[in-house]
Amino acid sequence: MPEDLNRTTYMFSATMPLAIEKLARNYLRNPVMVSVGTIGKAVELVTQNVVLITESEKFGKLKRLLDEFGDQKIGIVFVNTKNNVETVAKKLDNANYRATTLHSGKS
């Protein structure tokens, strides 16, 4: 890659393990880490919920949770694969929720 190429690399994570932080420091030029709240502690303004349900119940439950937020219907949904990110976003869009995706396969 040419030296004069001006490029920005972003790494996003809900958690940043020390090994990944070291990797970033070793391979990125002038890395900057942005965090919200206290590292290792949940932000007080964010409500976190764990809901144990079957696979077939997931999308219906997600819609009900979004509806509980009222007109804003704002939230962040974490899923386990890039394919699931796209699938969930498409299903939300088809159900008249605005959704956008963010994952490592995007450029």
PDB file of N, CA and C in Angstrom:
ATOM      1  N   MET A   1       0.844  -1.167   0.000  1.00  0.00           N
ATOM      2  CA  MET A   1       0.000   0.000   0.000  1.00  0.00           C
ATOM      3  C   MET A   1       0.897   1.239   0.000  1.00  0.00           C
ATOM      4  N   PRO A   2       0.627   2.209  -0.847  1.00  0.00           N
ATOM      5  CA  PRO A   2       1.464   3.412  -0.905  1.00  0.00           C
ATOM      6  C   PRO A   2       1.472   4.161   0.428  1.00  0.00           C
ATOM      7  N   GLU A   3       2.641   4.679   0.798  1.00  0.00           N
ATOM      8  CA  GLU A   3       2.795   5.410   2.054  1.00  0.00           C
ATOM      9  C   GLU A   3       1.910   6.644   2.133  1.00  0.00           C
ATOM     10  N   ASP A   4       1.738   7.350   1.014  1.00  0.00           N
ATOM     11  CA  ASP A   4       1.008   8.612   1.055  1.00  0.00           C
ATOM     12  C   ASP A   4      -0.512   8.432   1.057  1.00  0.00           C
ATOM     13  N   LEU A   5      -0.973   7.191   1.008  1.00  0.00           N
ATOM     14  CA  LEU A   5      -2.413   6.935   1.026  1.00  0.00           C
ATOM     15  C   LEU A   5      -2.982   7.356   2.380  1.00  0.00           C
ATOM     16  N   ASN A   6      -3.936   8.253   2.354  1.00  0.00           N
ATOM     17  CA  ASN A   6      -4.556   8.740   3.580  1.00  0.00           C
ATOM     18  C   ASN A   6      -5.820   7.926   3.826  1.00  0.00           C
ATOM     19  N   ARG A   7      -5.805   7.124   4.855  1.00  0.00           N
ATOM     20  CA  ARG A   7      -6.897   6.199   5.103  1.00  0.00           C
ATOM     21  C   ARG A   7      -7.253   6.232   6.586  1.00  0.00           C
ATOM     22  N   THR A   8      -8.514   6.019   6.870  1.00  0.00           N
ATOM     23  CA  THR A   8      -8.980   5.941   8.247  1.00  0.00           C
ATOM     24  C   THR A   8      -9.565   4.558   8.477  1.00  0.00           C
ATOM     25  N   THR A   9      -9.180   3.935   9.570  1.00  0.00           N
ATOM     26  CA  THR A   9      -9.686   2.618   9.932  1.00  0.00           C
ATOM     27  C   THR A   9     -10.463   2.747  11.233  1.00  0.00           C
ATOM     28  N   TYR A  10     -11.657   2.186  11.270  1.00  0.00           N
ATOM     29  CA  TYR A  10     -12.483   2.219  12.470  1.00  0.00           C
ATOM     30  C   TYR A  10     -12.667   0.807  12.995  1.00  0.00           C
ATOM     31  N   MET A  11     -12.596   0.657  14.295  1.00  0.00           N
ATOM     32  CA  MET A  11     -12.871  -0.620  14.950  1.00  0.00           C
ATOM     33  C   MET A  11     -13.956  -0.347  15.988  1.00  0.00           C
ATOM     34  N   PHE A  12     -15.052  -1.090  15.928  1.00  0.00           N
ATOM     35  CA  PHE A  12     -16.150  -0.901  16.868  1.00  0.00           C
ATOM     36  C   PHE A  12     -16.315  -2.161  17.699  1.00  0.00           C
ATOM     37  N   SER A  13     -16.567  -1.987  18.970  1.00  0.00           N
ATOM     38  CA  SER A  13     -16.816  -3.140  19.811  1.00  0.00           C
ATOM     39  C   SER A  13     -17.557  -2.703  21.066  1.00  0.00           C
ATOM     40  N   ALA A  14     -18.503  -3.519  21.494  1.00  0.00           N
ATOM     41  CA  ALA A  14     -19.167  -3.251  22.768  1.00  0.00           C
ATOM     42  C   ALA A  14     -18.180  -3.496  23.903  1.00  0.00           C
ATOM     43  N   THR A  15     -17.223  -4.361  23.654  1.00  0.00           N
ATOM     44  CA  THR A  15     -16.141  -4.627  24.602  1.00  0.00           C
ATOM     45  C   THR A  15     -14.838  -4.572  23.828  1.00  0.00           C
ATOM     46  N   MET A  16     -13.768  -4.238  24.504  1.00  0.00           N
ATOM     47  CA  MET A  16     -12.467  -4.175  23.832  1.00  0.00           C
ATOM     48  C   MET A  16     -11.465  -4.970  24.669  1.00  0.00           C
ATOM     49  N   PRO A  17     -11.317  -6.262  24.365  1.00  0.00           N
ATOM     50  CA  PRO A  17     -10.353  -7.069  25.108  1.00  0.00           C
ATOM     51  C   PRO A  17      -8.945  -6.479  24.982  1.00  0.00           C
ATOM     52  N   LEU A  18      -8.139  -6.666  26.007  1.00  0.00           N
ATOM     53  CA  LEU A  18      -6.786  -6.128  26.036  1.00  0.00           C
ATOM     54  C   LEU A  18      -5.977  -6.588  24.824  1.00  0.00           C
ATOM     55  N   ALA A  19      -6.154  -7.838  24.400  1.00  0.00           N
ATOM     56  CA  ALA A  19      -5.403  -8.352  23.242  1.00  0.00           C
ATOM     57  C   ALA A  19      -5.732  -7.559  21.977  1.00  0.00           C
ATOM     58  N   ILE A  20      -6.979  -7.184  21.786  1.00  0.00           N
ATOM     59  CA  ILE A  20      -7.380  -6.406  20.610  1.00  0.00           C
ATOM     60  C   ILE A  20      -6.856  -4.981  20.715  1.00  0.00           C
ATOM     61  N   GLU A  21      -6.878  -4.440  21.920  1.00  0.00           N
ATOM     62  CA  GLU A  21      -6.339  -3.097  22.135  1.00  0.00           C
ATOM     63  C   GLU A  21      -4.843  -3.064  21.788  1.00  0.00           C
ATOM     64  N   LYS A  22      -4.106  -4.085  22.205  1.00  0.00           N
ATOM     65  CA  LYS A  22      -2.668  -4.175  21.882  1.00  0.00           C
ATOM     66  C   LYS A  22      -2.469  -4.312  20.376  1.00  0.00           C
ATOM     67  N   LEU A  23      -3.293  -5.110  19.734  1.00  0.00           N
ATOM     68  CA  LEU A  23      -3.221  -5.286  18.285  1.00  0.00           C
ATOM     69  C   LEU A  23      -3.414  -3.946  17.577  1.00  0.00           C
ATOM     70  N   ALA A  24      -4.394  -3.188  18.011  1.00  0.00           N
ATOM     71  CA  ALA A  24      -4.649  -1.873  17.411  1.00  0.00           C
ATOM     72  C   ALA A  24      -3.447  -0.957  17.597  1.00  0.00           C
ATOM     73  N   ARG A  25      -2.871  -0.951  18.800  1.00  0.00           N
ATOM     74  CA  ARG A  25      -1.716  -0.086  19.051  1.00  0.00           C
ATOM     75  C   ARG A  25      -0.517  -0.487  18.198  1.00  0.00           C
ATOM     76  N   ASN A  26      -0.370  -1.771  17.925  1.00  0.00           N
ATOM     77  CA  ASN A  26       0.775  -2.251  17.139  1.00  0.00           C
ATOM     78  C   ASN A  26       0.636  -1.975  15.650  1.00  0.00           C
ATOM     79  N   TYR A  27      -0.576  -2.025  15.113  1.00  0.00           N
ATOM     80  CA  TYR A  27      -0.750  -1.974  13.664  1.00  0.00           C
ATOM     81  C   TYR A  27      -1.388  -0.691  13.130  1.00  0.00           C
ATOM     82  N   LEU A  28      -1.955   0.129  13.981  1.00  0.00           N
ATOM     83  CA  LEU A  28      -2.592   1.357  13.518  1.00  0.00           C
ATOM     84  C   LEU A  28      -1.710   2.558  13.842  1.00  0.00           C
ATOM     85  N   ARG A  29      -1.745   3.549  12.958  1.00  0.00           N
ATOM     86  CA  ARG A  29      -1.011   4.788  13.220  1.00  0.00           C
ATOM     87  C   ARG A  29      -1.864   5.719  14.060  1.00  0.00           C
ATOM     88  N   ASN A  30      -1.329   6.184  15.147  1.00  0.00           N
ATOM     89  CA  ASN A  30      -2.008   7.136  16.033  1.00  0.00           C
ATOM     90  C   ASN A  30      -3.434   6.708  16.390  1.00  0.00           C
ATOM     91  N   PRO A  31      -3.605   5.496  16.925  1.00  0.00           N
ATOM     92  CA  PRO A  31      -4.970   5.057  17.253  1.00  0.00           C
ATOM     93  C   PRO A  31      -5.568   5.897  18.379  1.00  0.00           C
ATOM     94  N   VAL A  32      -6.860   6.109  18.297  1.00  0.00           N
ATOM     95  CA  VAL A  32      -7.605   6.837  19.317  1.00  0.00           C
ATOM     96  C   VAL A  32      -8.716   5.920  19.800  1.00  0.00           C
ATOM     97  N   MET A  33      -8.863   5.793  21.116  1.00  0.00           N
ATOM     98  CA  MET A  33      -9.923   4.959  21.671  1.00  0.00           C
ATOM     99  C   MET A  33     -10.984   5.870  22.276  1.00  0.00           C
ATOM    100  N   VAL A  34     -12.212   5.692  21.861  1.00  0.00           N
ATOM    101  CA  VAL A  34     -13.333   6.468  22.388  1.00  0.00           C
ATOM    102  C   VAL A  34     -14.206   5.514  23.187  1.00  0.00           C
ATOM    103  N   SER A  35     -14.496   5.861  24.416  1.00  0.00           N
ATOM    104  CA  SER A  35     -15.370   5.017  25.230  1.00  0.00           C
ATOM    105  C   SER A  35     -16.442   5.890  25.866  1.00  0.00           C
ATOM    106  N   VAL A  36     -17.536   5.264  26.198  1.00  0.00           N
ATOM    107  CA  VAL A  36     -18.641   5.963  26.840  1.00  0.00           C
ATOM    108  C   VAL A  36     -18.777   5.400  28.244  1.00  0.00           C
ATOM    109  N   GLY A  37     -18.740   6.263  29.237  1.00  0.00           N
ATOM    110  CA  GLY A  37     -18.873   5.810  30.617  1.00  0.00           C
ATOM    111  C   GLY A  37     -17.572   5.238  31.146  1.00  0.00           C
ATOM    112  N   THR A  38     -17.688   4.447  32.187  1.00  0.00           N
ATOM    113  CA  THR A  38     -16.541   3.823  32.827  1.00  0.00           C
ATOM    114  C   THR A  38     -16.288   2.476  32.179  1.00  0.00           C
ATOM    115  N   ILE A  39     -15.048   2.246  31.766  1.00  0.00           N
ATOM    116  CA  ILE A  39     -14.709   0.977  31.118  1.00  0.00           C
ATOM    117  C   ILE A  39     -14.974  -0.168  32.095  1.00  0.00           C
ATOM    118  N   GLY A  40     -15.674  -1.182  31.608  1.00  0.00           N
ATOM    119  CA  GLY A  40     -15.992  -2.347  32.424  1.00  0.00           C
ATOM    120  C   GLY A  40     -17.265  -2.204  33.242  1.00  0.00           C
ATOM    121  N   LYS A  41     -17.934  -1.065  33.132  1.00  0.00           N
ATOM    122  CA  LYS A  41     -19.158  -0.828  33.891  1.00  0.00           C
ATOM    123  C   LYS A  41     -20.248  -0.337  32.942  1.00  0.00           C
ATOM    124  N   ALA A  42     -21.462  -0.814  33.142  1.00  0.00           N
ATOM    125  CA  ALA A  42     -22.581  -0.390  32.299  1.00  0.00           C
ATOM    126  C   ALA A  42     -22.855   1.097  32.502  1.00  0.00           C
ATOM    127  N   VAL A  43     -23.203   1.783  31.417  1.00  0.00           N
ATOM    128  CA  VAL A  43     -23.562   3.196  31.484  1.00  0.00           C
ATOM    129  C   VAL A  43     -24.930   3.302  32.148  1.00  0.00           C
ATOM    130  N   GLU A  44     -25.058   4.197  33.119  1.00  0.00           N
ATOM    131  CA  GLU A  44     -26.300   4.300  33.890  1.00  0.00           C
ATOM    132  C   GLU A  44     -27.507   4.691  33.046  1.00  0.00           C
ATOM    133  N   LEU A  45     -27.294   5.414  31.949  1.00  0.00           N
ATOM    134  CA  LEU A  45     -28.413   5.851  31.114  1.00  0.00           C
ATOM    135  C   LEU A  45     -28.885   4.771  30.144  1.00  0.00           C
ATOM    136  N   VAL A  46     -28.179   3.659  30.095  1.00  0.00           N
ATOM    137  CA  VAL A  46     -28.527   2.572  29.184  1.00  0.00           C
ATOM    138  C   VAL A  46     -29.168   1.448  29.985  1.00  0.00           C
ATOM    139  N   THR A  47     -30.335   1.025  29.544  1.00  0.00           N
ATOM    140  CA  THR A  47     -31.010  -0.103  30.172  1.00  0.00           C
ATOM    141  C   THR A  47     -30.639  -1.368  29.415  1.00  0.00           C
ATOM    142  N   GLN A  48     -30.162  -2.354  30.140  1.00  0.00           N
ATOM    143  CA  GLN A  48     -29.804  -3.626  29.519  1.00  0.00           C
ATOM    144  C   GLN A  48     -30.763  -4.698  30.019  1.00  0.00           C
ATOM    145  N   ASN A  49     -31.197  -5.547  29.107  1.00  0.00           N
ATOM    146  CA  ASN A  49     -32.105  -6.631  29.461  1.00  0.00           C
ATOM    147  C   ASN A  49     -31.600  -7.930  28.867  1.00  0.00           C
ATOM    148  N   VAL A  50     -31.766  -9.001  29.602  1.00  0.00           N
ATOM    149  CA  VAL A  50     -31.509 -10.339  29.083  1.00  0.00           C
ATOM    150  C   VAL A  50     -32.857 -11.044  29.051  1.00  0.00           C
ATOM    151  N   VAL A  51     -33.227 -11.543  27.881  1.00  0.00           N
ATOM    152  CA  VAL A  51     -34.510 -12.210  27.711  1.00  0.00           C
ATOM    153  C   VAL A  51     -34.235 -13.605  27.164  1.00  0.00           C
ATOM    154  N   LEU A  52     -34.649 -14.619  27.891  1.00  0.00           N
ATOM    155  CA  LEU A  52     -34.448 -16.001  27.458  1.00  0.00           C
ATOM    156  C   LEU A  52     -35.695 -16.473  26.718  1.00  0.00           C
ATOM    157  N   ILE A  53     -35.544 -16.689  25.413  1.00  0.00           N
ATOM    158  CA  ILE A  53     -36.659 -17.125  24.576  1.00  0.00           C
ATOM    159  C   ILE A  53     -36.134 -18.090  23.517  1.00  0.00           C
ATOM    160  N   THR A  54     -37.052 -18.741  22.838  1.00  0.00           N
ATOM    161  CA  THR A  54     -36.647 -19.658  21.772  1.00  0.00           C
ATOM    162  C   THR A  54     -36.330 -18.870  20.504  1.00  0.00           C
ATOM    163  N   GLU A  55     -35.655 -19.509  19.585  1.00  0.00           N
ATOM    164  CA  GLU A  55     -35.283 -18.875  18.314  1.00  0.00           C
ATOM    165  C   GLU A  55     -36.515 -18.348  17.582  1.00  0.00           C
ATOM    166  N   SER A  56     -37.577 -19.123  17.565  1.00  0.00           N
ATOM    167  CA  SER A  56     -38.776 -18.722  16.817  1.00  0.00           C
ATOM    168  C   SER A  56     -39.499 -17.528  17.448  1.00  0.00           C
ATOM    169  N   GLU A  57     -39.244 -17.251  18.717  1.00  0.00           N
ATOM    170  CA  GLU A  57     -39.901 -16.138  19.405  1.00  0.00           C
ATOM    171  C   GLU A  57     -39.139 -14.818  19.276  1.00  0.00           C
ATOM    172  N   LYS A  58     -37.900 -14.867  18.799  1.00  0.00           N
ATOM    173  CA  LYS A  58     -37.015 -13.702  18.856  1.00  0.00           C
ATOM    174  C   LYS A  58     -37.550 -12.475  18.129  1.00  0.00           C
ATOM    175  N   PHE A  59     -37.952 -12.611  16.879  1.00  0.00           N
ATOM    176  CA  PHE A  59     -38.330 -11.418  16.122  1.00  0.00           C
ATOM    177  C   PHE A  59     -39.600 -10.778  16.673  1.00  0.00           C
ATOM    178  N   GLY A  60     -40.569 -11.584  17.046  1.00  0.00           N
ATOM    179  CA  GLY A  60     -41.791 -11.044  17.644  1.00  0.00           C
ATOM    180  C   GLY A  60     -41.493 -10.295  18.936  1.00  0.00           C
ATOM    181  N   LYS A  61     -40.617 -10.847  19.755  1.00  0.00           N
ATOM    182  CA  LYS A  61     -40.240 -10.192  21.009  1.00  0.00           C
ATOM    183  C   LYS A  61     -39.495  -8.891  20.730  1.00  0.00           C
ATOM    184  N   LEU A  62     -38.612  -8.886  19.726  1.00  0.00           N
ATOM    185  CA  LEU A  62     -37.886  -7.669  19.359  1.00  0.00           C
ATOM    186  C   LEU A  62     -38.871  -6.566  18.965  1.00  0.00           C
ATOM    187  N   LYS A  63     -39.865  -6.905  18.150  1.00  0.00           N
ATOM    188  CA  LYS A  63     -40.858  -5.906  17.736  1.00  0.00           C
ATOM    189  C   LYS A  63     -41.635  -5.371  18.937  1.00  0.00           C
ATOM    190  N   ARG A  64     -42.017  -6.257  19.851  1.00  0.00           N
ATOM    191  CA  ARG A  64     -42.755  -5.811  21.046  1.00  0.00           C
ATOM    192  C   ARG A  64     -41.889  -4.876  21.898  1.00  0.00           C
ATOM    193  N   LEU A  65     -40.600  -5.204  22.044  1.00  0.00           N
ATOM    194  CA  LEU A  65     -39.702  -4.334  22.818  1.00  0.00           C
ATOM    195  C   LEU A  65     -39.560  -2.967  22.159  1.00  0.00           C
ATOM    196  N   LEU A  66     -39.400  -2.951  20.839  1.00  0.00           N
ATOM    197  CA  LEU A  66     -39.292  -1.671  20.129  1.00  0.00           C
ATOM    198  C   LEU A  66     -40.572  -0.859  20.271  1.00  0.00           C
ATOM    199  N   ASP A  67     -41.706  -1.525  20.214  1.00  0.00           N
ATOM    200  CA  ASP A  67     -42.987  -0.827  20.365  1.00  0.00           C
ATOM    201  C   ASP A  67     -43.143  -0.220  21.758  1.00  0.00           C
ATOM    202  N   GLU A  68     -42.549  -0.859  22.774  1.00  0.00           N
ATOM    203  CA  GLU A  68     -42.614  -0.330  24.139  1.00  0.00           C
ATOM    204  C   GLU A  68     -41.901   1.012  24.257  1.00  0.00           C
ATOM    205  N   PHE A  69     -40.972   1.301  23.351  1.00  0.00           N
ATOM    206  CA  PHE A  69     -40.246   2.570  23.393  1.00  0.00           C
ATOM    207  C   PHE A  69     -41.095   3.720  22.871  1.00  0.00           C
ATOM    208  N   GLY A  70     -42.285   3.440  22.388  1.00  0.00           N
ATOM    209  CA  GLY A  70     -43.167   4.488  21.881  1.00  0.00           C
ATOM    210  C   GLY A  70     -42.822   4.868  20.456  1.00  0.00           C
ATOM    211  N   ASP A  71     -43.092   6.123  20.110  1.00  0.00           N
ATOM    212  CA  ASP A  71     -42.902   6.590  18.737  1.00  0.00           C
ATOM    213  C   ASP A  71     -41.449   6.562  18.287  1.00  0.00           C
ATOM    214  N   GLN A  72     -40.512   6.725  19.226  1.00  0.00           N
ATOM    215  CA  GLN A  72     -39.108   6.789  18.828  1.00  0.00           C
ATOM    216  C   GLN A  72     -38.583   5.442  18.342  1.00  0.00           C
ATOM    217  N   LYS A  73     -38.986   4.364  18.972  1.00  0.00           N
ATOM    218  CA  LYS A  73     -38.553   3.015  18.580  1.00  0.00           C
ATOM    219  C   LYS A  73     -37.048   2.978  18.325  1.00  0.00           C
ATOM    220  N   ILE A  74     -36.282   3.486  19.280  1.00  0.00           N
ATOM    221  CA  ILE A  74     -34.834   3.563  19.125  1.00  0.00           C
ATOM    222  C   ILE A  74     -34.179   2.475  19.963  1.00  0.00           C
ATOM    223  N   GLY A  75     -33.214   1.806  19.389  1.00  0.00           N
ATOM    224  CA  GLY A  75     -32.474   0.804  20.131  1.00  0.00           C
ATOM    225  C   GLY A  75     -31.286   0.310  19.336  1.00  0.00           C
ATOM    226  N   ILE A  76     -30.431  -0.406  20.010  1.00  0.00           N
ATOM    227  CA  ILE A  76     -29.303  -1.071  19.361  1.00  0.00           C
ATOM    228  C   ILE A  76     -29.518  -2.560  19.551  1.00  0.00           C
ATOM    229  N   VAL A  77     -29.469  -3.293  18.469  1.00  0.00           N
ATOM    230  CA  VAL A  77     -29.682  -4.732  18.512  1.00  0.00           C
ATOM    231  C   VAL A  77     -28.365  -5.408  18.147  1.00  0.00           C
ATOM    232  N   PHE A  78     -27.851  -6.223  19.044  1.00  0.00           N
ATOM    233  CA  PHE A  78     -26.633  -6.977  18.776  1.00  0.00           C
ATOM    234  C   PHE A  78     -27.017  -8.384  18.339  1.00  0.00           C
ATOM    235  N   VAL A  79     -26.410  -8.852  17.266  1.00  0.00           N
ATOM    236  CA  VAL A  79     -26.619 -10.224  16.801  1.00  0.00           C
ATOM    237  C   VAL A  79     -25.257 -10.887  16.623  1.00  0.00           C
ATOM    238  N   ASN A  80     -25.265 -12.199  16.394  1.00  0.00           N
ATOM    239  CA  ASN A  80     -24.002 -12.930  16.455  1.00  0.00           C
ATOM    240  C   ASN A  80     -23.248 -13.087  15.136  1.00  0.00           C
ATOM    241  N   THR A  81     -23.835 -12.759  14.001  1.00  0.00           N
ATOM    242  CA  THR A  81     -23.107 -12.883  12.732  1.00  0.00           C
ATOM    243  C   THR A  81     -23.475 -11.736  11.795  1.00  0.00           C
ATOM    244  N   LYS A  82     -22.603 -11.489  10.807  1.00  0.00           N
ATOM    245  CA  LYS A  82     -22.890 -10.456   9.799  1.00  0.00           C
ATOM    246  C   LYS A  82     -24.158 -10.795   9.029  1.00  0.00           C
ATOM    247  N   ASN A  83     -24.338 -12.066   8.700  1.00  0.00           N
ATOM    248  CA  ASN A  83     -25.549 -12.463   7.971  1.00  0.00           C
ATOM    249  C   ASN A  83     -26.803 -12.165   8.782  1.00  0.00           C
ATOM    250  N   ASN A  84     -26.746 -12.430  10.083  1.00  0.00           N
ATOM    251  CA  ASN A  84     -27.905 -12.142  10.928  1.00  0.00           C
ATOM    252  C   ASN A  84     -28.167 -10.648  11.027  1.00  0.00           C
ATOM    253  N   VAL A  85     -27.114  -9.837  10.987  1.00  0.00           N
ATOM    254  CA  VAL A  85     -27.294  -8.379  10.992  1.00  0.00           C
ATOM    255  C   VAL A  85     -28.170  -7.978   9.816  1.00  0.00           C
ATOM    256  N   GLU A  86     -27.818  -8.442   8.630  1.00  0.00           N
ATOM    257  CA  GLU A  86     -28.567  -8.082   7.424  1.00  0.00           C
ATOM    258  C   GLU A  86     -29.984  -8.649   7.459  1.00  0.00           C
ATOM    259  N   THR A  87     -30.136  -9.877   7.937  1.00  0.00           N
ATOM    260  CA  THR A  87     -31.454 -10.512   8.008  1.00  0.00           C
ATOM    261  C   THR A  87     -32.382  -9.751   8.945  1.00  0.00           C
ATOM    262  N   VAL A  88     -31.892  -9.432  10.139  1.00  0.00           N
ATOM    263  CA  VAL A  88     -32.721  -8.722  11.118  1.00  0.00           C
ATOM    264  C   VAL A  88     -33.072  -7.328  10.606  1.00  0.00           C
ATOM    265  N   ALA A  89     -32.114  -6.632  10.017  1.00  0.00           N
ATOM    266  CA  ALA A  89     -32.382  -5.286   9.489  1.00  0.00           C
ATOM    267  C   ALA A  89     -33.442  -5.331   8.394  1.00  0.00           C
ATOM    268  N   LYS A  90     -33.356  -6.320   7.518  1.00  0.00           N
ATOM    269  CA  LYS A  90     -34.342  -6.441   6.433  1.00  0.00           C
ATOM    270  C   LYS A  90     -35.730  -6.748   6.999  1.00  0.00           C
ATOM    271  N   LYS A  91     -35.790  -7.646   7.994  1.00  0.00           N
ATOM    272  CA  LYS A  91     -37.077  -7.967   8.605  1.00  0.00           C
ATOM    273  C   LYS A  91     -37.666  -6.752   9.317  1.00  0.00           C
ATOM    274  N   LEU A  92     -36.816  -5.977   9.990  1.00  0.00           N
ATOM    275  CA  LEU A  92     -37.303  -4.761  10.647  1.00  0.00           C
ATOM    276  C   LEU A  92     -37.824  -3.766   9.621  1.00  0.00           C
ATOM    277  N   ASP A  93     -37.084  -3.606   8.540  1.00  0.00           N
ATOM    278  CA  ASP A  93     -37.506  -2.697   7.475  1.00  0.00           C
ATOM    279  C   ASP A  93     -38.853  -3.131   6.895  1.00  0.00           C
ATOM    280  N   ASN A  94     -39.003  -4.424   6.651  1.00  0.00           N
ATOM    281  CA  ASN A  94     -40.264  -4.949   6.113  1.00  0.00           C
ATOM    282  C   ASN A  94     -41.428  -4.765   7.086  1.00  0.00           C
ATOM    283  N   ALA A  95     -41.107  -4.651   8.390  1.00  0.00           N
ATOM    284  CA  ALA A  95     -42.140  -4.451   9.410  1.00  0.00           C
ATOM    285  C   ALA A  95     -42.313  -2.962   9.739  1.00  0.00           C
ATOM    286  N   ASN A  96     -41.798  -2.087   8.859  1.00  0.00           N
ATOM    287  CA  ASN A  96     -41.936  -0.626   8.988  1.00  0.00           C
ATOM    288  C   ASN A  96     -41.166  -0.009  10.152  1.00  0.00           C
ATOM    289  N   TYR A  97     -40.041  -0.614  10.499  1.00  0.00           N
ATOM    290  CA  TYR A  97     -39.106  -0.009  11.447  1.00  0.00           C
ATOM    291  C   TYR A  97     -37.909   0.464  10.631  1.00  0.00           C
ATOM    292  N   ARG A  98     -37.389   1.629  10.966  1.00  0.00           N
ATOM    293  CA  ARG A  98     -36.169   2.088  10.294  1.00  0.00           C
ATOM    294  C   ARG A  98     -34.995   1.381  10.945  1.00  0.00           C
ATOM    295  N   ALA A  99     -34.137   0.797  10.127  1.00  0.00           N
ATOM    296  CA  ALA A  99     -32.983   0.075  10.659  1.00  0.00           C
ATOM    297  C   ALA A  99     -31.788   0.291   9.749  1.00  0.00           C
ATOM    298  N   THR A 100     -30.629   0.345  10.337  1.00  0.00           N
ATOM    299  CA  THR A 100     -29.390   0.402   9.572  1.00  0.00           C
ATOM    300  C   THR A 100     -28.431  -0.611  10.167  1.00  0.00           C
ATOM    301  N   THR A 101     -27.420  -0.968   9.420  1.00  0.00           N
ATOM    302  CA  THR A 101     -26.504  -2.010   9.873  1.00  0.00           C
ATOM    303  C   THR A 101     -25.090  -1.477  10.024  1.00  0.00           C
ATOM    304  N   LEU A 102     -24.346  -2.140  10.881  1.00  0.00           N
ATOM    305  CA  LEU A 102     -22.934  -1.836  11.072  1.00  0.00           C
ATOM    306  C   LEU A 102     -22.232  -3.143  11.396  1.00  0.00           C
ATOM    307  N   HIS A 103     -21.307  -3.543  10.532  1.00  0.00           N
ATOM    308  CA  HIS A 103     -20.524  -4.752  10.779  1.00  0.00           C
ATOM    309  C   HIS A 103     -19.253  -4.704   9.953  1.00  0.00           C
ATOM    310  N   SER A 104     -18.382  -5.673  10.149  1.00  0.00           N
ATOM    311  CA  SER A 104     -17.052  -5.648   9.522  1.00  0.00           C
ATOM    312  C   SER A 104     -17.073  -5.855   8.016  1.00  0.00           C
ATOM    313  N   GLY A 105     -18.186  -6.271   7.453  1.00  0.00           N
ATOM    314  CA  GLY A 105     -18.257  -6.479   6.017  1.00  0.00           C
ATOM    315  C   GLY A 105     -18.621  -5.220   5.244  1.00  0.00           C
ATOM    316  N   LYS A 106     -18.795  -4.118   5.945  1.00  0.00           N
ATOM    317  CA  LYS A 106     -19.169  -2.862   5.289  1.00  0.00           C
ATOM    318  C   LYS A 106     -17.917  -2.044   5.026  1.00  0.00           C
ATOM    319  N   SER A 107     -17.954  -1.260   3.957  1.00  0.00           N
ATOM    320  CA  SER A 107     -16.785  -0.420   3.672  1.00  0.00           C
ATOM    321  C   SER A 107     -17.205   1.024   3.495  1.00  0.00           C
TER     322      SER A 107
END
